[in-house]
Amino acid sequence: MSGLDATERTDAHTALIHTRVGQAVVAVLVVVMSVWIVGPNLPASPARDMVAVVWSPAVNAGFEQNWSVFSPNPRAQTLEVVAVAEFADGTTTEWRLPEFGPVIGAYRTYRWRKWQERVRLDSNARYWDSSAAWIARDVARGDELPVRVRLLRRWRDLEPLTADGIADTKLNEFEFHVWVGAGG
């Protein structure tokens, strides 16, 4: 049987898109979303800068995608931010970015990796204390908070591929912030 019989009714959404107004709304949404997705990804240029206000709502909503990883000069280092939390009894625990499952986890991990990439910068020092305090709450043992949390930048320089494979470079580490809790 094709079509709807007399007793079936279409839902409001389906009824709306079968009208001229509904089709116009959908067409406008498709155009706006296309501009919002494509516009921020255009190569940097004065012309792009002049019309950037058109997609600023998309950027503010988080639709912007940074494609610099595919540029001719991708990052030459691996980055990591870890925290070492010290408790009053002298024991320590190391906090790392949360890892999520292999299927959907990559999407959740992406935001954490962006946080890691940004929080480590000296220009973002204003976030260090609140980040360390949050980590202290995350690693707390019941009601016992760590007395100190040290934030560490770790990085490894990536060497170009050789005939024998990737050259192993040493891991670098730098303590960039210490949060001291009550009793620390």
N, C-alpha and C. Protein backbone atom coordinates (compact mmCIF):
# COMPACT_ATOMS: atom_id res chain seq x y z
N MET A 1 0.86 -1.17 0.00
CA MET A 1 0.00 0.00 0.00
C MET A 1 0.90 1.23 0.00
N SER A 2 0.66 2.15 -0.86
CA SER A 2 1.47 3.36 -0.90
C SER A 2 0.65 4.53 -0.41
N GLY A 3 1.32 5.51 0.17
CA GLY A 3 0.62 6.70 0.66
C GLY A 3 0.00 6.45 2.01
N LEU A 4 -0.77 7.42 2.45
CA LEU A 4 -1.42 7.34 3.76
C LEU A 4 -2.89 7.02 3.56
N ASP A 5 -3.42 6.19 4.43
CA ASP A 5 -4.86 5.98 4.34
C ASP A 5 -5.56 7.08 5.13
N ALA A 6 -6.82 7.12 5.09
CA ALA A 6 -7.61 8.22 5.65
C ALA A 6 -7.43 8.35 7.16
N THR A 7 -7.06 7.28 7.85
CA THR A 7 -6.95 7.35 9.30
C THR A 7 -5.59 7.84 9.78
N GLU A 8 -4.58 7.82 8.90
CA GLU A 8 -3.25 8.25 9.31
C GLU A 8 -3.07 9.75 9.07
N ARG A 9 -2.33 10.38 9.94
CA ARG A 9 -2.04 11.82 9.81
C ARG A 9 -0.53 11.98 9.82
N THR A 10 -0.04 12.99 9.10
CA THR A 10 1.39 13.27 9.12
C THR A 10 1.70 14.10 10.35
N ASP A 11 2.94 13.97 10.83
CA ASP A 11 3.34 14.79 11.98
C ASP A 11 3.54 16.23 11.52
N ALA A 12 3.65 17.15 12.47
CA ALA A 12 3.74 18.58 12.17
C ALA A 12 4.98 18.90 11.34
N HIS A 13 6.10 18.25 11.62
CA HIS A 13 7.33 18.51 10.88
C HIS A 13 7.17 18.16 9.41
N THR A 14 6.63 16.96 9.15
CA THR A 14 6.44 16.52 7.77
C THR A 14 5.44 17.43 7.06
N ALA A 15 4.38 17.80 7.74
CA ALA A 15 3.40 18.70 7.14
C ALA A 15 4.04 20.05 6.81
N LEU A 16 4.92 20.55 7.69
CA LEU A 16 5.56 21.84 7.46
C LEU A 16 6.46 21.82 6.23
N ILE A 17 7.23 20.77 6.05
CA ILE A 17 8.16 20.77 4.91
C ILE A 17 7.47 20.53 3.58
N HIS A 18 6.20 20.21 3.62
CA HIS A 18 5.43 20.07 2.38
C HIS A 18 4.76 21.38 1.99
N THR A 19 4.99 22.44 2.75
CA THR A 19 4.45 23.75 2.40
C THR A 19 5.55 24.61 1.80
N ARG A 20 5.18 25.67 1.08
CA ARG A 20 6.17 26.58 0.49
C ARG A 20 6.99 27.27 1.60
N VAL A 21 6.34 27.65 2.67
CA VAL A 21 7.05 28.30 3.78
C VAL A 21 8.06 27.33 4.39
N GLY A 22 7.65 26.10 4.63
CA GLY A 22 8.55 25.10 5.20
C GLY A 22 9.74 24.83 4.31
N GLN A 23 9.50 24.72 3.01
CA GLN A 23 10.60 24.48 2.07
C GLN A 23 11.55 25.67 2.04
N ALA A 24 11.01 26.89 2.13
CA ALA A 24 11.85 28.08 2.15
C ALA A 24 12.71 28.11 3.42
N VAL A 25 12.11 27.74 4.56
CA VAL A 25 12.86 27.70 5.82
C VAL A 25 14.00 26.68 5.72
N VAL A 26 13.72 25.51 5.19
CA VAL A 26 14.75 24.47 5.04
C VAL A 26 15.85 24.96 4.09
N ALA A 27 15.47 25.59 2.99
CA ALA A 27 16.46 26.09 2.03
C ALA A 27 17.36 27.15 2.67
N VAL A 28 16.77 28.06 3.45
CA VAL A 28 17.57 29.09 4.13
C VAL A 28 18.51 28.44 5.14
N LEU A 29 18.03 27.47 5.91
CA LEU A 29 18.88 26.77 6.87
C LEU A 29 20.05 26.06 6.19
N VAL A 30 19.79 25.44 5.05
CA VAL A 30 20.86 24.75 4.33
C VAL A 30 21.92 25.75 3.86
N VAL A 31 21.49 26.90 3.34
CA VAL A 31 22.44 27.92 2.88
C VAL A 31 23.23 28.47 4.06
N VAL A 32 22.54 28.82 5.14
CA VAL A 32 23.22 29.39 6.31
C VAL A 32 24.22 28.39 6.88
N MET A 33 23.82 27.15 7.06
CA MET A 33 24.72 26.15 7.62
C MET A 33 25.90 25.90 6.69
N SER A 34 25.67 25.92 5.38
CA SER A 34 26.77 25.74 4.43
C SER A 34 27.79 26.86 4.56
N VAL A 35 27.31 28.10 4.66
CA VAL A 35 28.22 29.24 4.83
C VAL A 35 28.95 29.13 6.17
N TRP A 36 28.23 28.75 7.21
CA TRP A 36 28.83 28.64 8.54
C TRP A 36 29.88 27.53 8.61
N ILE A 37 29.71 26.49 7.86
CA ILE A 37 30.67 25.39 7.89
C ILE A 37 31.85 25.64 6.95
N VAL A 38 31.57 26.13 5.76
CA VAL A 38 32.63 26.35 4.77
C VAL A 38 33.42 27.64 5.07
N GLY A 39 32.73 28.70 5.41
CA GLY A 39 33.37 30.01 5.60
C GLY A 39 34.56 30.03 6.53
N PRO A 40 34.44 29.54 7.76
CA PRO A 40 35.58 29.59 8.68
C PRO A 40 36.76 28.74 8.23
N ASN A 41 36.55 27.85 7.28
CA ASN A 41 37.63 26.98 6.81
C ASN A 41 38.30 27.48 5.54
N LEU A 42 37.89 28.65 5.06
CA LEU A 42 38.56 29.24 3.90
C LEU A 42 39.98 29.65 4.30
N PRO A 43 40.92 29.65 3.35
CA PRO A 43 42.28 30.09 3.68
C PRO A 43 42.29 31.54 4.16
N ALA A 44 43.20 31.84 5.05
CA ALA A 44 43.32 33.20 5.57
C ALA A 44 43.63 34.17 4.44
N SER A 45 42.90 35.26 4.41
CA SER A 45 43.11 36.30 3.40
C SER A 45 42.38 37.55 3.85
N PRO A 46 42.73 38.72 3.28
CA PRO A 46 42.00 39.95 3.62
C PRO A 46 40.51 39.85 3.29
N ALA A 47 40.18 39.20 2.16
CA ALA A 47 38.77 39.05 1.78
C ALA A 47 38.02 38.22 2.83
N ARG A 48 38.65 37.15 3.30
CA ARG A 48 38.03 36.31 4.33
C ARG A 48 37.80 37.11 5.60
N ASP A 49 38.78 37.92 5.98
CA ASP A 49 38.66 38.74 7.19
C ASP A 49 37.51 39.73 7.10
N MET A 50 37.26 40.27 5.89
CA MET A 50 36.19 41.26 5.72
C MET A 50 34.80 40.65 5.92
N VAL A 51 34.62 39.39 5.59
CA VAL A 51 33.30 38.77 5.69
C VAL A 51 33.19 37.80 6.87
N ALA A 52 34.19 37.80 7.72
CA ALA A 52 34.20 36.86 8.85
C ALA A 52 33.01 37.06 9.78
N VAL A 53 32.47 38.26 9.84
CA VAL A 53 31.33 38.53 10.72
C VAL A 53 30.12 37.67 10.35
N VAL A 54 30.04 37.24 9.10
CA VAL A 54 28.91 36.42 8.63
C VAL A 54 28.86 35.08 9.38
N TRP A 55 30.01 34.49 9.64
CA TRP A 55 30.00 33.20 10.31
C TRP A 55 30.45 33.27 11.76
N SER A 56 30.57 34.45 12.32
CA SER A 56 30.96 34.54 13.72
C SER A 56 29.99 33.80 14.65
N PRO A 57 28.67 33.78 14.38
CA PRO A 57 27.80 32.96 15.24
C PRO A 57 28.17 31.47 15.19
N ALA A 58 28.61 31.00 14.03
CA ALA A 58 29.01 29.60 13.91
C ALA A 58 30.27 29.33 14.71
N VAL A 59 31.21 30.26 14.66
CA VAL A 59 32.46 30.10 15.41
C VAL A 59 32.13 30.10 16.90
N ASN A 60 31.26 31.02 17.34
CA ASN A 60 30.87 31.08 18.75
C ASN A 60 30.13 29.81 19.19
N ALA A 61 29.45 29.16 18.26
CA ALA A 61 28.72 27.93 18.57
C ALA A 61 29.62 26.69 18.50
N GLY A 62 30.87 26.87 18.06
CA GLY A 62 31.80 25.75 18.02
C GLY A 62 31.83 24.98 16.72
N PHE A 63 31.31 25.55 15.63
CA PHE A 63 31.31 24.86 14.34
C PHE A 63 32.62 24.98 13.59
N GLU A 64 33.51 25.85 14.06
CA GLU A 64 34.77 26.06 13.35
C GLU A 64 35.67 24.83 13.51
N GLN A 65 36.32 24.45 12.44
CA GLN A 65 37.23 23.30 12.44
C GLN A 65 38.60 23.81 12.04
N ASN A 66 39.62 23.45 12.78
CA ASN A 66 40.98 23.87 12.46
C ASN A 66 41.66 22.77 11.67
N TRP A 67 42.03 23.08 10.44
CA TRP A 67 42.63 22.07 9.56
C TRP A 67 44.15 22.19 9.50
N SER A 68 44.76 22.91 10.42
CA SER A 68 46.20 23.14 10.34
C SER A 68 47.01 21.85 10.46
N VAL A 69 46.42 20.80 11.00
CA VAL A 69 47.14 19.53 11.10
C VAL A 69 47.51 19.02 9.71
N PHE A 70 46.78 19.44 8.69
CA PHE A 70 47.04 19.00 7.33
C PHE A 70 47.90 19.99 6.56
N SER A 71 48.35 21.02 7.23
CA SER A 71 49.12 22.06 6.55
C SER A 71 50.52 21.56 6.23
N PRO A 72 51.25 22.34 5.45
CA PRO A 72 52.62 21.92 5.12
C PRO A 72 53.54 21.86 6.34
N ASN A 73 53.16 22.49 7.43
CA ASN A 73 54.01 22.50 8.63
C ASN A 73 53.23 22.00 9.84
N PRO A 74 52.92 20.71 9.91
CA PRO A 74 52.19 20.22 11.08
C PRO A 74 53.06 20.29 12.33
N ARG A 75 52.43 20.17 13.48
CA ARG A 75 53.14 20.23 14.76
C ARG A 75 54.31 19.25 14.76
N ALA A 76 55.43 19.69 15.31
CA ALA A 76 56.64 18.88 15.34
C ALA A 76 56.92 18.31 16.73
N GLN A 77 55.90 18.32 17.58
CA GLN A 77 56.05 17.79 18.94
C GLN A 77 54.79 17.06 19.34
N THR A 78 54.96 16.07 20.20
CA THR A 78 53.80 15.51 20.88
C THR A 78 53.69 16.25 22.20
N LEU A 79 52.49 16.50 22.64
CA LEU A 79 52.25 17.29 23.86
C LEU A 79 51.47 16.47 24.86
N GLU A 80 51.72 16.75 26.12
CA GLU A 80 50.94 16.11 27.18
C GLU A 80 50.99 16.99 28.41
N VAL A 81 49.87 17.11 29.07
CA VAL A 81 49.80 17.76 30.38
C VAL A 81 49.40 16.68 31.38
N VAL A 82 50.18 16.53 32.42
CA VAL A 82 49.85 15.59 33.50
C VAL A 82 49.90 16.35 34.81
N ALA A 83 49.27 15.80 35.81
CA ALA A 83 49.30 16.41 37.14
C ALA A 83 49.74 15.34 38.13
N VAL A 84 50.59 15.75 39.04
CA VAL A 84 51.00 14.86 40.12
C VAL A 84 50.39 15.42 41.40
N ALA A 85 49.49 14.65 41.99
CA ALA A 85 48.80 15.07 43.21
C ALA A 85 49.47 14.40 44.40
N GLU A 86 49.79 15.22 45.41
CA GLU A 86 50.46 14.71 46.61
C GLU A 86 49.49 14.83 47.79
N PHE A 87 49.35 13.73 48.53
CA PHE A 87 48.47 13.71 49.69
C PHE A 87 49.27 13.97 50.96
N ALA A 88 48.57 14.26 52.04
CA ALA A 88 49.20 14.61 53.32
C ALA A 88 50.11 13.50 53.83
N ASP A 89 49.79 12.25 53.51
CA ASP A 89 50.63 11.13 53.98
C ASP A 89 51.87 10.90 53.12
N GLY A 90 52.07 11.75 52.10
CA GLY A 90 53.25 11.66 51.24
C GLY A 90 53.05 10.83 49.99
N THR A 91 51.93 10.14 49.87
CA THR A 91 51.67 9.36 48.66
C THR A 91 51.27 10.29 47.52
N THR A 92 51.53 9.84 46.31
CA THR A 92 51.20 10.64 45.13
C THR A 92 50.40 9.80 44.15
N THR A 93 49.69 10.49 43.30
CA THR A 93 49.01 9.84 42.19
C THR A 93 49.16 10.75 40.98
N GLU A 94 49.26 10.14 39.81
CA GLU A 94 49.41 10.92 38.58
C GLU A 94 48.07 10.96 37.85
N TRP A 95 47.63 12.16 37.54
CA TRP A 95 46.39 12.36 36.79
C TRP A 95 46.75 12.59 35.33
N ARG A 96 46.03 11.93 34.45
CA ARG A 96 46.18 12.13 33.01
C ARG A 96 44.81 12.41 32.41
N LEU A 97 44.82 12.85 31.18
CA LEU A 97 43.55 13.10 30.49
C LEU A 97 42.69 11.85 30.51
N PRO A 98 41.39 12.02 30.68
CA PRO A 98 40.51 10.84 30.64
C PRO A 98 40.57 10.17 29.27
N GLU A 99 40.50 8.88 29.27
CA GLU A 99 40.43 8.10 28.03
C GLU A 99 39.05 7.48 27.98
N PHE A 100 38.46 7.51 26.82
CA PHE A 100 37.13 6.96 26.65
C PHE A 100 37.20 5.81 25.66
N GLY A 101 36.12 5.10 25.49
CA GLY A 101 36.10 3.92 24.62
C GLY A 101 36.54 4.22 23.19
N PRO A 102 36.91 3.17 22.45
CA PRO A 102 37.44 3.36 21.10
C PRO A 102 36.40 3.80 20.07
N VAL A 103 35.13 3.57 20.33
CA VAL A 103 34.12 3.89 19.33
C VAL A 103 33.74 5.37 19.38
N ILE A 104 33.18 5.82 20.45
CA ILE A 104 32.73 7.20 20.54
C ILE A 104 33.71 8.05 21.33
N GLY A 105 34.64 7.40 22.00
CA GLY A 105 35.58 8.09 22.86
C GLY A 105 36.41 9.15 22.17
N ALA A 106 36.76 8.93 20.91
CA ALA A 106 37.59 9.90 20.19
C ALA A 106 36.93 11.27 20.16
N TYR A 107 35.62 11.31 20.08
CA TYR A 107 34.91 12.59 20.03
C TYR A 107 34.95 13.30 21.38
N ARG A 108 34.86 12.54 22.46
CA ARG A 108 34.94 13.13 23.79
C ARG A 108 36.37 13.50 24.14
N THR A 109 37.32 12.68 23.72
CA THR A 109 38.73 12.93 24.01
C THR A 109 39.23 14.17 23.29
N TYR A 110 38.68 14.47 22.12
CA TYR A 110 39.13 15.62 21.33
C TYR A 110 39.07 16.90 22.15
N ARG A 111 38.01 17.13 22.88
CA ARG A 111 37.87 18.35 23.70
C ARG A 111 38.93 18.38 24.79
N TRP A 112 39.19 17.24 25.39
CA TRP A 112 40.23 17.18 26.42
C TRP A 112 41.59 17.51 25.81
N ARG A 113 41.86 17.00 24.63
CA ARG A 113 43.15 17.27 23.99
C ARG A 113 43.28 18.74 23.63
N LYS A 114 42.20 19.38 23.24
CA LYS A 114 42.24 20.83 22.96
C LYS A 114 42.50 21.59 24.26
N TRP A 115 41.87 21.15 25.36
CA TRP A 115 42.13 21.80 26.65
C TRP A 115 43.61 21.66 27.00
N GLN A 116 44.14 20.46 26.85
CA GLN A 116 45.54 20.19 27.15
C GLN A 116 46.46 21.08 26.32
N GLU A 117 46.15 21.21 25.05
CA GLU A 117 46.95 22.01 24.14
C GLU A 117 47.00 23.47 24.57
N ARG A 118 45.89 23.96 25.09
CA ARG A 118 45.79 25.38 25.43
C ARG A 118 46.21 25.69 26.86
N VAL A 119 45.85 24.83 27.83
CA VAL A 119 46.11 25.15 29.23
C VAL A 119 47.60 25.20 29.53
N ARG A 120 48.40 24.52 28.78
CA ARG A 120 49.84 24.47 29.03
C ARG A 120 50.56 25.76 28.66
N LEU A 121 49.92 26.61 27.88
CA LEU A 121 50.56 27.83 27.40
C LEU A 121 50.68 28.87 28.51
N ASP A 122 51.80 29.58 28.55
CA ASP A 122 51.99 30.65 29.54
C ASP A 122 50.92 31.72 29.40
N SER A 123 50.44 31.96 28.19
CA SER A 123 49.41 32.98 27.98
C SER A 123 48.08 32.59 28.63
N ASN A 124 47.93 31.35 29.05
CA ASN A 124 46.70 30.88 29.70
C ASN A 124 46.92 30.56 31.18
N ALA A 125 47.90 31.22 31.78
CA ALA A 125 48.22 30.98 33.20
C ALA A 125 47.01 31.23 34.10
N ARG A 126 46.08 32.05 33.67
CA ARG A 126 44.90 32.35 34.49
C ARG A 126 44.05 31.11 34.74
N TYR A 127 44.22 30.06 33.95
CA TYR A 127 43.44 28.83 34.12
C TYR A 127 44.16 27.76 34.94
N TRP A 128 45.42 27.98 35.26
CA TRP A 128 46.21 26.94 35.92
C TRP A 128 45.68 26.58 37.30
N ASP A 129 45.40 27.59 38.12
CA ASP A 129 44.97 27.31 39.49
C ASP A 129 43.62 26.59 39.51
N SER A 130 42.67 27.05 38.71
CA SER A 130 41.36 26.40 38.70
C SER A 130 41.44 25.00 38.10
N SER A 131 42.30 24.80 37.13
CA SER A 131 42.48 23.46 36.55
C SER A 131 43.07 22.51 37.59
N ALA A 132 44.09 22.97 38.31
CA ALA A 132 44.72 22.13 39.34
C ALA A 132 43.74 21.84 40.48
N ALA A 133 42.93 22.82 40.86
CA ALA A 133 41.93 22.61 41.92
C ALA A 133 40.89 21.58 41.46
N TRP A 134 40.49 21.63 40.19
CA TRP A 134 39.53 20.65 39.67
C TRP A 134 40.16 19.25 39.69
N ILE A 135 41.42 19.17 39.27
CA ILE A 135 42.12 17.87 39.28
C ILE A 135 42.21 17.35 40.71
N ALA A 136 42.47 18.24 41.67
CA ALA A 136 42.54 17.81 43.08
C ALA A 136 41.22 17.18 43.50
N ARG A 137 40.10 17.78 43.11
CA ARG A 137 38.79 17.20 43.44
C ARG A 137 38.58 15.87 42.71
N ASP A 138 39.10 15.78 41.48
CA ASP A 138 38.92 14.57 40.68
C ASP A 138 39.67 13.37 41.27
N VAL A 139 40.84 13.61 41.87
CA VAL A 139 41.65 12.51 42.40
C VAL A 139 41.47 12.33 43.91
N ALA A 140 40.58 13.11 44.51
CA ALA A 140 40.36 13.02 45.96
C ALA A 140 40.01 11.59 46.37
N ARG A 141 40.44 11.24 47.56
CA ARG A 141 40.10 9.93 48.15
C ARG A 141 38.96 10.16 49.13
N GLY A 142 37.77 10.05 48.64
CA GLY A 142 36.61 10.39 49.47
C GLY A 142 36.63 11.88 49.74
N ASP A 143 36.72 12.25 51.03
CA ASP A 143 36.77 13.66 51.41
C ASP A 143 38.19 14.20 51.49
N GLU A 144 39.18 13.34 51.29
CA GLU A 144 40.58 13.77 51.42
C GLU A 144 41.11 14.30 50.09
N LEU A 145 41.35 15.63 50.08
CA LEU A 145 41.93 16.27 48.91
C LEU A 145 43.45 16.22 48.98
N PRO A 146 44.12 16.24 47.85
CA PRO A 146 45.57 16.34 47.89
C PRO A 146 45.98 17.68 48.52
N VAL A 147 47.18 17.72 49.08
CA VAL A 147 47.67 18.98 49.65
C VAL A 147 48.39 19.80 48.59
N ARG A 148 48.79 19.14 47.51
CA ARG A 148 49.51 19.84 46.45
C ARG A 148 49.25 19.13 45.12
N VAL A 149 49.12 19.93 44.06
CA VAL A 149 48.99 19.38 42.71
C VAL A 149 50.00 20.12 41.83
N ARG A 150 50.90 19.35 41.23
CA ARG A 150 51.89 19.93 40.32
C ARG A 150 51.45 19.66 38.88
N LEU A 151 51.37 20.72 38.08
CA LEU A 151 51.04 20.58 36.67
C LEU A 151 52.34 20.50 35.87
N LEU A 152 52.43 19.50 35.01
CA LEU A 152 53.64 19.26 34.24
C LEU A 152 53.35 19.29 32.74
N ARG A 153 54.21 19.95 32.02
CA ARG A 153 54.18 19.88 30.55
C ARG A 153 55.17 18.79 30.17
N ARG A 154 54.72 17.90 29.32
CA ARG A 154 55.63 16.91 28.76
C ARG A 154 55.54 17.01 27.25
N TRP A 155 56.68 16.91 26.61
CA TRP A 155 56.70 16.95 25.16
C TRP A 155 57.87 16.16 24.63
N ARG A 156 57.71 15.75 23.41
CA ARG A 156 58.76 15.01 22.70
C ARG A 156 58.82 15.59 21.30
N ASP A 157 60.02 15.97 20.87
CA ASP A 157 60.20 16.46 19.51
C ASP A 157 60.06 15.31 18.53
N LEU A 158 59.35 15.55 17.45
CA LEU A 158 59.17 14.53 16.43
C LEU A 158 60.18 14.78 15.31
N GLU A 159 60.97 13.81 15.04
CA GLU A 159 61.95 13.91 13.97
C GLU A 159 61.33 13.39 12.68
N PRO A 160 61.80 13.90 11.53
CA PRO A 160 61.28 13.38 10.26
C PRO A 160 61.55 11.88 10.12
N LEU A 161 60.72 11.23 9.35
CA LEU A 161 60.91 9.80 9.11
C LEU A 161 62.24 9.55 8.43
N THR A 162 62.87 8.47 8.79
CA THR A 162 64.11 8.05 8.15
C THR A 162 63.87 6.69 7.50
N ALA A 163 64.86 6.20 6.82
CA ALA A 163 64.73 4.88 6.19
C ALA A 163 64.50 3.80 7.23
N ASP A 164 65.03 4.02 8.44
CA ASP A 164 64.89 3.02 9.51
C ASP A 164 63.64 3.22 10.36
N GLY A 165 62.88 4.25 10.10
CA GLY A 165 61.69 4.53 10.90
C GLY A 165 61.82 5.85 11.62
N ILE A 166 61.05 6.03 12.67
CA ILE A 166 61.03 7.28 13.42
C ILE A 166 62.16 7.28 14.44
N ALA A 167 62.92 8.36 14.47
CA ALA A 167 63.99 8.49 15.45
C ALA A 167 63.37 8.72 16.83
N ASP A 168 63.86 8.01 17.82
CA ASP A 168 63.36 8.17 19.18
C ASP A 168 64.02 9.39 19.80
N THR A 169 63.21 10.31 20.28
CA THR A 169 63.75 11.50 20.93
C THR A 169 63.38 11.46 22.39
N LYS A 170 64.12 12.20 23.20
CA LYS A 170 63.90 12.12 24.64
C LYS A 170 62.64 12.88 25.05
N LEU A 171 62.04 12.42 26.12
CA LEU A 171 60.87 13.06 26.69
C LEU A 171 61.32 14.23 27.55
N ASN A 172 60.76 15.39 27.32
CA ASN A 172 61.06 16.58 28.10
C ASN A 172 59.93 16.82 29.08
N GLU A 173 60.27 17.39 30.23
CA GLU A 173 59.26 17.66 31.25
C GLU A 173 59.58 18.98 31.93
N PHE A 174 58.51 19.76 32.17
CA PHE A 174 58.67 21.05 32.84
C PHE A 174 57.49 21.27 33.77
N GLU A 175 57.75 21.54 35.04
CA GLU A 175 56.68 21.85 36.00
C GLU A 175 56.31 23.31 35.80
N PHE A 176 55.05 23.55 35.42
CA PHE A 176 54.67 24.92 35.13
C PHE A 176 53.72 25.55 36.14
N HIS A 177 53.22 24.75 37.08
CA HIS A 177 52.35 25.35 38.11
C HIS A 177 52.24 24.40 39.30
N VAL A 178 52.16 24.97 40.48
CA VAL A 178 51.92 24.19 41.70
C VAL A 178 50.73 24.81 42.42
N TRP A 179 49.72 23.98 42.64
CA TRP A 179 48.54 24.39 43.41
C TRP A 179 48.73 23.82 44.81
N VAL A 180 48.49 24.65 45.81
CA VAL A 180 48.62 24.21 47.20
C VAL A 180 47.24 24.31 47.84
N GLY A 181 46.76 23.19 48.34
CA GLY A 181 45.45 23.14 48.98
C GLY A 181 45.56 23.42 50.46
N ALA A 182 44.44 23.33 51.13
CA ALA A 182 44.41 23.52 52.57
C ALA A 182 45.27 22.43 53.21
N GLY A 183 46.12 22.82 54.10
CA GLY A 183 47.00 21.87 54.78
C GLY A 183 48.26 21.58 54.01
N GLY A 184 48.52 22.32 52.91
CA GLY A 184 49.68 22.04 52.09
C GLY A 184 50.83 22.94 52.26
